[in-house]
Amino acid sequence: MSVDQPIADKCERVFTAAADKLRRLVAAHPDYLPQYTRAGKWKHDGASWTNWCQGFLPGQLWLLYLYSGDEFWRGKAERYCELIEERKDDRETHDLGFLFWHSWKRWHDLDGAPRQRDVVIKAGRTMGERFQEKGGYLASFVAPESAFIDIMMNVGIIFYAARETGDADLYDRALRNCLTSRRYLVRGDGSAVHEGIFDLETGAFLRESTHQGWRGDTSWARGLSWAIYGFATAYSFTRDPRFLQTACHCADYYILNTPAHGICPNDWLEPNPPRPFEASAAAITASGLQDLAALVGDPLRARSYREYAARIMESLSEPAFLACDDIDWEGLLKQAAYHERLGLGVDESTMFGDYFFLEAAAKLLKLI
């Protein structure tokens, strides 16, 4: 499917703005890996927990290199990848996919060097150690009994490590996490549960919970965006039709429950939400829908997903969201949220929002 010139022009504008913002960031704060802005500024001492966003800055730098061919961006991308290499052994986080897929895996895809491949494989193996045999899930950083829908965005690195090494047990851990997440973290209407709590003694599912949605039984938008993208990725590795079905089910929920402009709230079921938009979830969805469109067999469904992704990107490219004309705003995508319930990075820019916004633009321009 060819890209309409107006949306192509908007994606070019996104890349131009990203280049300006990131050139300023790496000059003003060299070797700094931010997570979210405060009053539009990256450099602050806000809460970060597991520093799970550190792969998104090198990921953006790689995308700028792919877009421009400018060796400046390649050099910076390599440098910022090197800054996080030691985290391949980090057993305190469930987000090693976020850390290494968009950074070191992208580097390997470009160069094919064994060192980069080995780093990604080690990160995948480390991630696989979070598996809870009773319950069949990968534990979140919160507690051994906790499973997050976010982890669907990280199983890809486990599938990759298993495939590259022929490790059947590692593959089975990723597969079983996906099956457990499909059963307990995706509801019958296609909405997603942020967190599932399991009994450590029996593995039984106990209840739904959330850290970022309105309530445990409602629908946190970024969690749904992780599900759309993550189950599509799981299908790309396994070709298990259940995962494709789940990704489509979640995508259809997003489309059905979101206004025509395509930008979701933080939680669809929260009455009278204090803020109308969660732009980072929309950006993630715009990227994930393009992956999903390439995987579904139905041409009409594929076209509808691509067109909806383009609609999201058109909306996010408007001045209310794209900070291209705001020189003092250091992020790229406004009106995102790091953690709305705690008031962290709300109506701000986030590294993951900026990354997936740029990634969605790259996919529309056929760069990746």
Foldseek 3Di string as FASTA:
>chain_A
DAFDPVLLVLLVVLLVLLVVLLVVVCVVPPLDQFFWDDVQHGDDDDDCVPVLQLQLSLLSLLLNCLVPVDVVSVVSSVVSLVSCLVCLQPLLFLRLCNNQVSRLVSVCVVPVDVVSVVSLLSSLVSNLVQAQPQQLARAGSPDNQKHFLLSLSVLLSQLSSCVVVVPPVSNSSSVSNLVSLLVPQADPQLAGAGMWGADSVHSHTDAFADQFEPGRPFHFLLSLLSLLQSLLSVCVRVVPVSSLVSNVSSLVSQVVQAPPLQFQPRTSPDPPDPDGGAQLSSLSQLLSLQSSLVVDPDVVSSVVSPVSSSSNLVSCSDVLFAVSPPPSRSAGGFQHDDGVVVPPNGRIHGSSSSSSNSNSSCVSVVSD
